[in-house]
């Protein structure tokens, strides 16, 4: 709340070193973000705190592994593809998952925000991915109808979705919803290893 970027960075770097990405996200970062959201909904304030924290978290997660490490010999043969749903702009959960995958040594291909369905399908095809994760933060981006085509045209692909935006009752068969980083990580690693 004091907008102390150095203290925020120190706490996060320490937690990431000592506890790892998944535990830091689930036990430190996510609860703080939820609390900030609650405070904002009550007071209409603290957006600047959330933006600063998100920026600090992003920088700390990117520092978990160097981008070059992903491209070492043979590691990109079958990456996990990470993407936001079309028109979705919230990428912080993808950064968390990318860092958690990097921590395990798994290759990942981070496509980021607002990924068109056709671009995700092309990335999966061209990379030979066996697993893909798609994030939706808002109901405006959580229409799962396009996921059926992705799964149908790539039968060896395990698509996993996460985020509060998905219409979970309309997810295609075989597309699990991951309610946590731990769950997403386990499902994606299992699919990528087959």
Protein backbone atom coordinates (compact mmCIF):
# COMPACT_ATOMS: atom_id res chain seq x y z
CA UNK A 1 0.00 0.00 0.00
CA UNK A 2 3.04 2.27 0.47
CA UNK A 3 3.94 1.95 -3.25
CA UNK A 4 7.44 0.86 -2.26
CA UNK A 5 8.67 -0.89 -5.38
CA UNK A 6 12.00 -1.94 -3.83
CA UNK A 7 10.34 -3.63 -0.86
CA UNK A 8 7.79 -5.35 -3.12
CA UNK A 9 10.59 -6.61 -5.36
CA UNK A 10 12.65 -7.86 -2.43
CA UNK A 11 9.73 -9.77 -0.91
CA UNK A 12 8.82 -11.40 -4.23
CA UNK A 13 12.39 -12.30 -5.18
CA UNK A 14 12.90 -13.87 -1.76
CA UNK A 15 9.63 -15.83 -1.94
CA UNK A 16 10.39 -17.06 -5.46
CA UNK A 17 13.86 -18.24 -4.39
CA UNK A 18 12.68 -19.92 -1.21
CA UNK A 19 9.23 -21.24 -2.14
CA UNK A 20 9.20 -21.47 -5.93
CA UNK A 21 6.81 -19.98 -8.46
CA UNK A 22 3.65 -21.97 -7.76
CA UNK A 23 3.71 -21.55 -3.98
CA UNK A 24 4.60 -17.85 -4.28
CA UNK A 25 1.69 -17.27 -6.64
CA UNK A 26 -0.85 -19.30 -4.68
CA UNK A 27 0.19 -18.24 -1.16
CA UNK A 28 1.51 -14.69 -1.63
CA UNK A 29 0.67 -12.93 -4.89
CA UNK A 30 -2.86 -14.17 -5.63
CA UNK A 31 -4.16 -13.47 -2.08
CA UNK A 32 -2.74 -9.94 -2.21
CA UNK A 33 -4.32 -9.31 -5.61
CA UNK A 34 -7.67 -10.63 -4.36
CA UNK A 35 -7.44 -8.36 -1.31
CA UNK A 36 -6.62 -5.36 -3.53
CA UNK A 37 -9.62 -6.20 -5.72
CA UNK A 38 -11.87 -6.31 -2.66
CA UNK A 39 -10.53 -2.99 -1.39
CA UNK A 40 -11.04 -1.44 -4.82
CA UNK A 41 -14.62 -2.70 -5.09
CA UNK A 42 -15.37 -1.22 -1.65
CA UNK A 43 -13.56 2.12 -2.02
CA UNK A 44 -12.96 2.66 -5.75
CA UNK A 45 -9.29 3.23 -4.90
CA UNK A 46 -5.93 1.42 -5.08
CA UNK A 47 -5.75 0.79 -8.82
CA UNK A 48 -2.25 2.28 -8.76
CA UNK A 49 -1.20 -0.29 -6.15
CA UNK A 50 -2.51 -3.16 -8.29
CA UNK A 51 -0.72 -1.82 -11.38
CA UNK A 52 2.58 -1.40 -9.56
CA UNK A 53 2.31 -4.84 -7.97
CA UNK A 54 1.49 -6.42 -11.34
CA UNK A 55 4.51 -4.73 -12.92
CA UNK A 56 6.80 -5.91 -10.10
CA UNK A 57 5.39 -9.45 -10.27
CA UNK A 58 5.89 -9.52 -14.05
CA UNK A 59 9.52 -8.43 -13.77
CA UNK A 60 10.25 -10.93 -11.02
CA UNK A 61 8.64 -13.79 -12.95
CA UNK A 62 10.56 -12.93 -16.11
CA UNK A 63 13.77 -13.09 -14.08
CA UNK A 64 13.07 -16.67 -12.94
CA UNK A 65 14.67 -17.94 -16.11
CA UNK A 66 16.40 -16.33 -19.02
CA UNK A 67 14.51 -16.53 -22.33
CA UNK A 68 17.60 -18.12 -23.89
CA UNK A 69 17.33 -21.13 -21.57
CA UNK A 70 14.20 -22.23 -23.42
CA UNK A 71 16.09 -22.56 -26.66
CA UNK A 72 18.79 -24.93 -25.46
CA UNK A 73 19.24 -28.10 -27.50
CA UNK A 74 16.08 -30.11 -27.91
CA UNK A 75 13.94 -28.23 -25.41
CA UNK A 76 11.58 -26.72 -27.97
CA UNK A 77 10.59 -30.02 -29.61
CA UNK A 78 7.20 -30.05 -27.90
CA UNK A 79 6.58 -26.88 -25.92
CA UNK A 80 3.52 -26.02 -23.90
CA UNK A 81 1.78 -23.18 -25.75
CA UNK A 82 0.45 -20.39 -23.52
CA UNK A 83 -2.09 -17.90 -24.84
CA UNK A 84 -4.86 -15.57 -23.82
CA UNK A 85 -8.25 -16.09 -25.43
CA UNK A 86 -9.05 -13.83 -28.37
CA UNK A 87 -9.51 -10.25 -27.12
CA UNK A 88 -8.22 -11.13 -23.62
CA UNK A 89 -5.50 -8.78 -22.37
CA UNK A 90 -4.71 -10.09 -18.86
CA UNK A 91 -1.38 -11.90 -19.22
CA UNK A 92 -0.11 -12.09 -15.64
CA UNK A 93 -1.45 -15.65 -15.10
CA UNK A 94 0.37 -16.74 -18.28
CA UNK A 95 3.62 -15.29 -16.93
CA UNK A 96 3.11 -17.27 -13.73
CA UNK A 97 2.53 -20.49 -15.65
CA UNK A 98 5.48 -19.80 -17.98
CA UNK A 99 7.77 -19.30 -14.96
CA UNK A 100 6.41 -22.43 -13.25
CA UNK A 101 7.02 -24.44 -16.42
CA UNK A 102 10.53 -23.00 -16.71
CA UNK A 103 11.19 -24.02 -13.11
CA UNK A 104 10.48 -27.64 -14.08
CA UNK A 105 12.67 -27.40 -17.19
CA UNK A 106 9.68 -27.70 -19.53
CA UNK A 107 9.74 -25.78 -22.79
CA UNK A 108 7.02 -23.21 -23.33
CA UNK A 109 5.92 -20.93 -26.10
CA UNK A 110 4.37 -17.74 -24.73
CA UNK A 111 2.01 -16.11 -27.23
CA UNK A 112 0.58 -13.54 -24.81
CA UNK A 113 -2.53 -11.37 -25.06
CA UNK A 114 -5.35 -11.33 -27.60
CA UNK A 115 -4.37 -14.46 -29.52
CA UNK A 116 -6.70 -15.18 -32.44
CA UNK A 117 -7.90 -18.79 -32.61
CA UNK A 118 -6.23 -19.23 -36.00
CA UNK A 119 -2.89 -18.01 -34.64
CA UNK A 120 -3.08 -20.39 -31.68
CA UNK A 121 -3.87 -23.28 -34.03
CA UNK A 122 -0.94 -22.32 -36.28
CA UNK A 123 1.46 -22.08 -33.31
CA UNK A 124 0.36 -25.51 -32.06
CA UNK A 125 0.77 -27.04 -35.51
CA UNK A 126 4.13 -25.42 -36.27
CA UNK A 127 5.66 -26.12 -32.85
CA UNK A 128 4.39 -29.69 -32.53
CA UNK A 129 2.89 -28.85 -29.14
CA UNK A 130 0.99 -31.54 -27.29
CA UNK A 131 -0.40 -29.14 -24.67
CA UNK A 132 -1.85 -25.65 -24.71
CA UNK A 133 -3.20 -23.41 -21.97
CA UNK A 134 -5.69 -20.62 -22.70
CA UNK A 135 -6.58 -17.89 -20.16
CA UNK A 136 -9.82 -15.89 -19.98
CA UNK A 137 -10.24 -13.23 -17.30
CA UNK A 138 -13.66 -11.85 -18.25
CA UNK A 139 -16.93 -13.28 -19.50
CA UNK A 140 -16.54 -11.18 -22.65
CA UNK A 141 -13.53 -13.33 -23.62
CA UNK A 142 -14.68 -16.66 -22.19
CA UNK A 143 -16.84 -18.06 -25.00
CA UNK A 144 -15.41 -21.58 -25.43
CA UNK A 145 -17.10 -22.39 -28.76
CA UNK A 146 -13.89 -21.94 -30.78
CA UNK A 147 -12.02 -24.47 -28.61
CA UNK A 148 -13.91 -27.33 -30.26
CA UNK A 149 -12.22 -26.61 -33.60
CA UNK A 150 -8.80 -26.40 -31.95
CA UNK A 151 -9.24 -29.77 -30.25
CA UNK A 152 -10.77 -31.41 -33.34
CA UNK A 153 -8.06 -30.31 -35.76
CA UNK A 154 -5.30 -31.33 -33.33
CA UNK A 155 -6.41 -34.64 -31.77
CA UNK A 156 -3.06 -35.19 -29.98
CA UNK A 157 -3.35 -31.78 -28.31
CA UNK A 158 -4.49 -31.40 -24.69
CA UNK A 159 -6.12 -27.99 -24.32
CA UNK A 160 -6.44 -26.72 -20.74
CA UNK A 161 -8.25 -23.51 -19.82
CA UNK A 162 -8.13 -21.31 -16.76
CA UNK A 163 -9.51 -18.05 -15.49
CA UNK A 164 -12.82 -16.73 -14.20
CA UNK A 165 -14.06 -15.70 -17.64
CA UNK A 166 -14.81 -19.14 -19.07
CA UNK A 167 -18.38 -20.37 -19.44
CA UNK A 168 -17.36 -23.63 -17.76
CA UNK A 169 -20.65 -25.38 -18.42
CA UNK A 170 -20.02 -24.96 -22.16
CA UNK A 171 -16.43 -26.24 -22.34
CA UNK A 172 -15.95 -28.93 -24.99
CA UNK A 173 -15.52 -32.51 -23.77
CA UNK A 174 -11.90 -33.25 -22.94
CA UNK A 175 -11.00 -29.60 -22.20
CA UNK A 176 -10.37 -29.41 -18.46
CA UNK A 177 -10.66 -26.26 -16.40
CA UNK A 178 -7.65 -25.64 -14.17
CA UNK A 179 -8.63 -23.81 -11.00
CA UNK A 180 -5.05 -23.28 -9.85
CA UNK A 181 -1.51 -22.99 -11.16
CA UNK A 182 -0.72 -26.36 -9.55
CA UNK A 183 -3.57 -28.05 -11.38
CA UNK A 184 -2.70 -26.43 -14.73
CA UNK A 185 0.97 -27.31 -14.33
CA UNK A 186 0.26 -30.95 -13.55
CA UNK A 187 -2.16 -31.42 -16.44
CA UNK A 188 0.08 -29.63 -18.95
CA UNK A 189 3.24 -31.48 -17.93
CA UNK A 190 1.44 -34.83 -18.15
CA UNK A 191 0.12 -34.01 -21.64
CA UNK A 192 3.44 -32.64 -22.91
CA UNK A 193 5.32 -35.75 -21.77
CA UNK A 194 3.22 -38.18 -23.84
